[in-house]
Amino acid sequence: MTARAGDVVDAATDAANQGEILCDQGKIDAAQALFEQALSVFAASDNPYLVAYVTDFIGRAHLRAHDTDAADEAFTRAAAGFAALGARELGWDARIRRAEVRNLEGRYAEAAHMAGEIFAEAGDEPLPAVLEAAAHRAVGRARAGLGDLDGAVRHGLQSLRLSGPSPFDRALSLACLSCWSATDAEQREAEAVDLLRGLGVEDPHSFFPETMNVSNAIGPAHWT
């Protein structure tokens, strides 16, 4: 790869990372434009790792936009790409996000099974904390959707414990717990909203489970 070509790829990588931030903030159209731009560069450079990397980001944007078919297709392609490269943890991440697609579709039993497969495949091998937290949130949303709030809370507490110093992951875990348990629900909701607003998220409640079709009967309003 020439120095100029390397510069182009580096710029596309920066654009993809900026797109991830915009996607999390709810600026989906701007994020998608950066992702598509990066994908064209990565595909032209014949870099399957970066193609899978940005395809996963594209799936996240579709998921945030509630386009489940496009999200599932992108995460499936990303997971296959990572698997072909032996990047197991990144493949697991894409598969956990596919489980969240199933949650959004209301296919909770499938979601619980898909996320549970990650734990089974890892066995005694410890998962990276952020990845494990995401898996627990996915299972928790599924359990809540199936009416098992006690199970949802157990997974939510695990995800909160694993969130560590990441304000984004802590906010997501708190958002879940505020919708699944009356215990400290208002405080958890308020902290989650504050953390997400501090990260520039335009609509913090878009990350709360009740806005992702987990159950209309679950959520802070249910406790009042």
Protein backbone atom coordinates (compact mmCIF):
# COMPACT_ATOMS: atom_id res chain seq x y z
CA MET A 1 0.00 0.00 0.00
CA THR A 2 1.39 3.39 -0.97
CA ALA A 3 1.65 6.19 1.55
CA ARG A 4 -1.17 8.06 -0.23
CA ALA A 5 -3.43 5.02 -0.18
CA GLY A 6 -2.64 4.52 3.50
CA ASP A 7 -3.63 8.12 4.18
CA VAL A 8 -6.97 7.58 2.44
CA VAL A 9 -7.67 4.48 4.53
CA ASP A 10 -6.66 6.26 7.72
CA ALA A 11 -9.02 9.13 6.87
CA ALA A 12 -11.83 6.67 6.19
CA THR A 13 -11.16 4.96 9.54
CA ASP A 14 -11.39 8.32 11.28
CA ALA A 15 -14.65 9.00 9.43
CA ALA A 16 -16.08 5.65 10.53
CA ASN A 17 -15.16 6.33 14.15
CA GLN A 18 -16.73 9.78 13.96
CA GLY A 19 -19.80 8.18 12.45
CA GLU A 20 -20.04 5.83 15.45
CA ILE A 21 -20.21 8.84 17.76
CA LEU A 22 -22.85 10.53 15.59
CA CYS A 23 -24.87 7.32 15.48
CA ASP A 24 -24.88 7.05 19.26
CA GLN A 25 -25.97 10.68 19.46
CA GLY A 26 -28.93 9.96 17.22
CA LYS A 27 -27.60 11.75 14.12
CA ILE A 28 -28.31 8.74 11.94
CA ASP A 29 -28.24 10.32 8.46
CA ALA A 30 -24.89 12.00 9.07
CA ALA A 31 -23.48 8.78 10.52
CA GLN A 32 -24.68 6.67 7.60
CA ALA A 33 -23.07 9.04 5.10
CA LEU A 34 -19.71 8.63 6.84
CA PHE A 35 -20.13 4.85 7.09
CA GLU A 36 -20.93 4.46 3.39
CA GLN A 37 -18.00 6.68 2.47
CA ALA A 38 -15.67 4.60 4.61
CA LEU A 39 -17.06 1.32 3.26
CA SER A 40 -16.30 2.30 -0.33
CA VAL A 41 -12.70 3.08 0.63
CA PHE A 42 -12.23 -0.12 2.63
CA ALA A 43 -13.73 -2.27 -0.14
CA ALA A 44 -11.49 -0.62 -2.74
CA SER A 45 -8.44 -1.24 -0.55
CA ASP A 46 -9.32 -4.95 -0.28
CA ASN A 47 -9.29 -4.85 3.52
CA PRO A 48 -11.83 -7.42 4.79
CA TYR A 49 -11.26 -6.49 8.43
CA LEU A 50 -12.17 -2.85 7.91
CA VAL A 51 -15.07 -3.84 5.66
CA ALA A 52 -16.51 -5.96 8.48
CA TYR A 53 -15.70 -3.22 10.99
CA VAL A 54 -17.69 -0.52 9.20
CA THR A 55 -20.45 -2.94 8.15
CA ASP A 56 -21.07 -3.51 11.85
CA PHE A 57 -21.37 0.27 12.29
CA ILE A 58 -23.85 0.40 9.40
CA GLY A 59 -25.91 -2.23 11.21
CA ARG A 60 -25.91 -0.11 14.36
CA ALA A 61 -27.25 2.88 12.44
CA HIS A 62 -30.04 0.78 10.92
CA LEU A 63 -30.87 -0.60 14.37
CA ARG A 64 -31.05 2.93 15.81
CA ALA A 65 -33.40 3.81 12.93
CA HIS A 66 -35.50 0.68 13.71
CA ASP A 67 -34.84 -0.74 10.22
CA THR A 68 -34.59 -4.31 11.43
CA ASP A 69 -34.18 -6.01 8.05
CA ALA A 70 -31.24 -3.81 7.04
CA ALA A 71 -29.71 -4.07 10.51
CA ASP A 72 -29.93 -7.85 10.54
CA GLU A 73 -28.36 -8.08 7.08
CA ALA A 74 -25.46 -5.81 8.06
CA PHE A 75 -24.76 -7.59 11.36
CA THR A 76 -24.92 -10.98 9.62
CA ARG A 77 -22.35 -9.85 7.05
CA ALA A 78 -20.15 -8.30 9.73
CA ALA A 79 -20.26 -11.43 11.90
CA ALA A 80 -19.37 -13.63 8.92
CA GLY A 81 -16.51 -11.32 7.99
CA PHE A 82 -15.06 -11.36 11.48
CA ALA A 83 -15.48 -15.13 11.73
CA ALA A 84 -13.56 -15.63 8.49
CA LEU A 85 -10.72 -13.57 9.95
CA GLY A 86 -10.74 -15.42 13.27
CA ALA A 87 -11.77 -12.23 15.09
CA ARG A 88 -14.01 -14.12 17.49
CA GLU A 89 -14.80 -11.34 19.96
CA LEU A 90 -15.77 -8.89 17.24
CA GLY A 91 -17.92 -11.57 15.68
CA TRP A 92 -19.62 -12.12 19.02
CA ASP A 93 -20.29 -8.39 19.28
CA ALA A 94 -22.03 -8.38 15.90
CA ARG A 95 -24.07 -11.43 16.90
CA ILE A 96 -25.16 -9.78 20.16
CA ARG A 97 -26.38 -6.85 18.10
CA ARG A 98 -28.33 -9.30 15.92
CA ALA A 99 -29.98 -10.48 19.14
CA GLU A 100 -30.99 -6.88 19.80
CA VAL A 101 -32.59 -6.83 16.36
CA ARG A 102 -34.72 -9.78 17.47
CA ASN A 103 -35.66 -7.90 20.64
CA LEU A 104 -36.75 -4.93 18.57
CA GLU A 105 -38.87 -7.25 16.44
CA GLY A 106 -40.46 -8.74 19.56
CA ARG A 107 -38.88 -12.16 18.92
CA TYR A 108 -37.68 -12.47 22.50
CA ALA A 109 -37.09 -16.20 22.74
CA GLU A 110 -34.82 -16.03 19.68
CA ALA A 111 -33.01 -13.03 21.13
CA ALA A 112 -32.35 -14.81 24.42
CA HIS A 113 -31.08 -17.88 22.58
CA MET A 114 -28.80 -15.88 20.27
CA ALA A 115 -27.22 -13.90 23.09
CA GLY A 116 -27.01 -17.00 25.28
CA GLU A 117 -24.99 -18.75 22.58
CA ILE A 118 -22.16 -16.29 23.18
CA PHE A 119 -21.86 -17.31 26.82
CA ALA A 120 -21.97 -20.99 25.83
CA GLU A 121 -19.25 -20.59 23.21
CA ALA A 122 -17.01 -18.61 25.56
CA GLY A 123 -17.31 -21.31 28.23
CA ASP A 124 -14.83 -20.64 31.02
CA GLU A 125 -13.04 -17.99 28.96
CA PRO A 126 -13.78 -14.54 30.38
CA LEU A 127 -15.44 -12.18 27.93
CA PRO A 128 -14.30 -8.55 27.64
CA ALA A 129 -16.36 -6.62 30.16
CA VAL A 130 -18.08 -4.35 27.64
CA LEU A 131 -19.00 -7.33 25.46
CA GLU A 132 -20.33 -9.32 28.41
CA ALA A 133 -22.32 -6.31 29.60
CA ALA A 134 -23.91 -5.99 26.14
CA ALA A 135 -24.79 -9.69 26.15
CA HIS A 136 -26.44 -9.39 29.57
CA ARG A 137 -28.46 -6.39 28.38
CA ALA A 138 -29.64 -8.31 25.32
CA VAL A 139 -30.71 -11.29 27.43
CA GLY A 140 -32.29 -8.94 29.97
CA ARG A 141 -34.40 -7.23 27.30
CA ALA A 142 -35.48 -10.62 26.05
CA ARG A 143 -36.40 -11.83 29.55
CA ALA A 144 -38.39 -8.65 30.14
CA GLY A 145 -40.20 -9.11 26.86
CA LEU A 146 -41.07 -12.65 27.91
CA GLY A 147 -42.49 -11.34 31.17
CA ASP A 148 -39.64 -12.49 33.40
CA LEU A 149 -38.77 -9.23 35.14
CA ASP A 150 -36.77 -10.96 37.88
CA GLY A 151 -34.56 -12.53 35.23
CA ALA A 152 -34.31 -9.21 33.40
CA VAL A 153 -33.16 -7.45 36.57
CA ARG A 154 -30.52 -10.12 37.27
CA HIS A 155 -29.03 -9.58 33.84
CA GLY A 156 -29.38 -5.81 34.16
CA LEU A 157 -27.43 -5.79 37.42
CA GLN A 158 -24.73 -7.92 35.83
CA SER A 159 -24.47 -5.50 32.92
CA LEU A 160 -24.22 -2.56 35.31
CA ARG A 161 -21.47 -4.28 37.29
CA LEU A 162 -19.51 -4.92 34.11
CA SER A 163 -19.93 -1.43 32.66
CA GLY A 164 -16.88 -0.15 34.52
CA PRO A 165 -15.73 3.35 33.66
CA SER A 166 -17.65 3.56 30.36
CA PRO A 167 -20.35 6.23 30.79
CA PHE A 168 -22.19 5.00 27.71
CA ASP A 169 -22.43 1.40 28.87
CA ARG A 170 -23.32 2.47 32.39
CA ALA A 171 -26.11 4.64 30.99
CA LEU A 172 -27.50 1.79 28.90
CA SER A 173 -27.49 -0.55 31.89
CA LEU A 174 -29.13 2.02 34.15
CA ALA A 175 -31.76 2.72 31.50
CA CYS A 176 -32.64 -0.96 31.39
CA LEU A 177 -32.83 -1.34 35.15
CA SER A 178 -35.01 1.76 35.51
CA CYS A 179 -37.56 0.07 33.27
CA TRP A 180 -37.42 -3.37 34.83
CA SER A 181 -37.48 -2.64 38.57
CA ALA A 182 -39.18 -0.10 40.81
CA THR A 183 -36.10 -0.08 43.04
CA ASP A 184 -34.33 3.26 42.55
CA ALA A 185 -36.09 3.56 39.17
CA GLU A 186 -36.29 7.36 39.17
CA GLN A 187 -32.67 7.79 40.26
CA ARG A 188 -31.45 5.30 37.68
CA GLU A 189 -33.47 6.96 34.94
CA ALA A 190 -32.15 10.40 35.88
CA GLU A 191 -28.51 9.25 35.96
CA ALA A 192 -28.87 7.48 32.61
CA VAL A 193 -30.39 10.58 31.02
CA ASP A 194 -27.65 12.82 32.45
CA LEU A 195 -24.89 10.50 31.21
CA LEU A 196 -26.36 10.26 27.73
CA ARG A 197 -26.93 13.99 27.46
CA GLY A 198 -23.32 14.51 28.54
CA LEU A 199 -22.31 12.38 25.55
CA GLY A 200 -24.33 14.55 23.19
CA VAL A 201 -27.24 12.12 22.72
CA GLU A 202 -30.18 14.06 21.29
CA ASP A 203 -32.91 11.78 22.67
CA PRO A 204 -31.68 9.87 25.74
CA HIS A 205 -34.94 7.96 26.09
CA SER A 206 -34.40 6.36 22.68
CA PHE A 207 -32.01 4.05 24.56
CA PHE A 208 -34.60 3.00 27.13
CA PRO A 209 -36.11 -0.46 26.61
CA GLU A 210 -39.71 0.68 26.46
CA THR A 211 -38.90 2.60 23.27
CA MET A 212 -37.46 -0.60 21.76
CA ASN A 213 -40.70 -2.61 21.99
CA VAL A 214 -39.64 -4.68 25.00
CA SER A 215 -43.00 -4.12 26.65
CA ASN A 216 -45.34 -1.18 26.78
CA ALA A 217 -46.21 -2.13 30.35
CA ILE A 218 -42.62 -1.79 31.54
CA GLY A 219 -40.95 1.50 32.26
CA PRO A 220 -40.71 4.30 34.77
CA ALA A 221 -44.30 5.38 34.09
CA HIS A 222 -45.40 1.92 35.24
CA TRP A 223 -44.07 2.58 38.73
CA THR A 224 -45.99 5.82 39.36
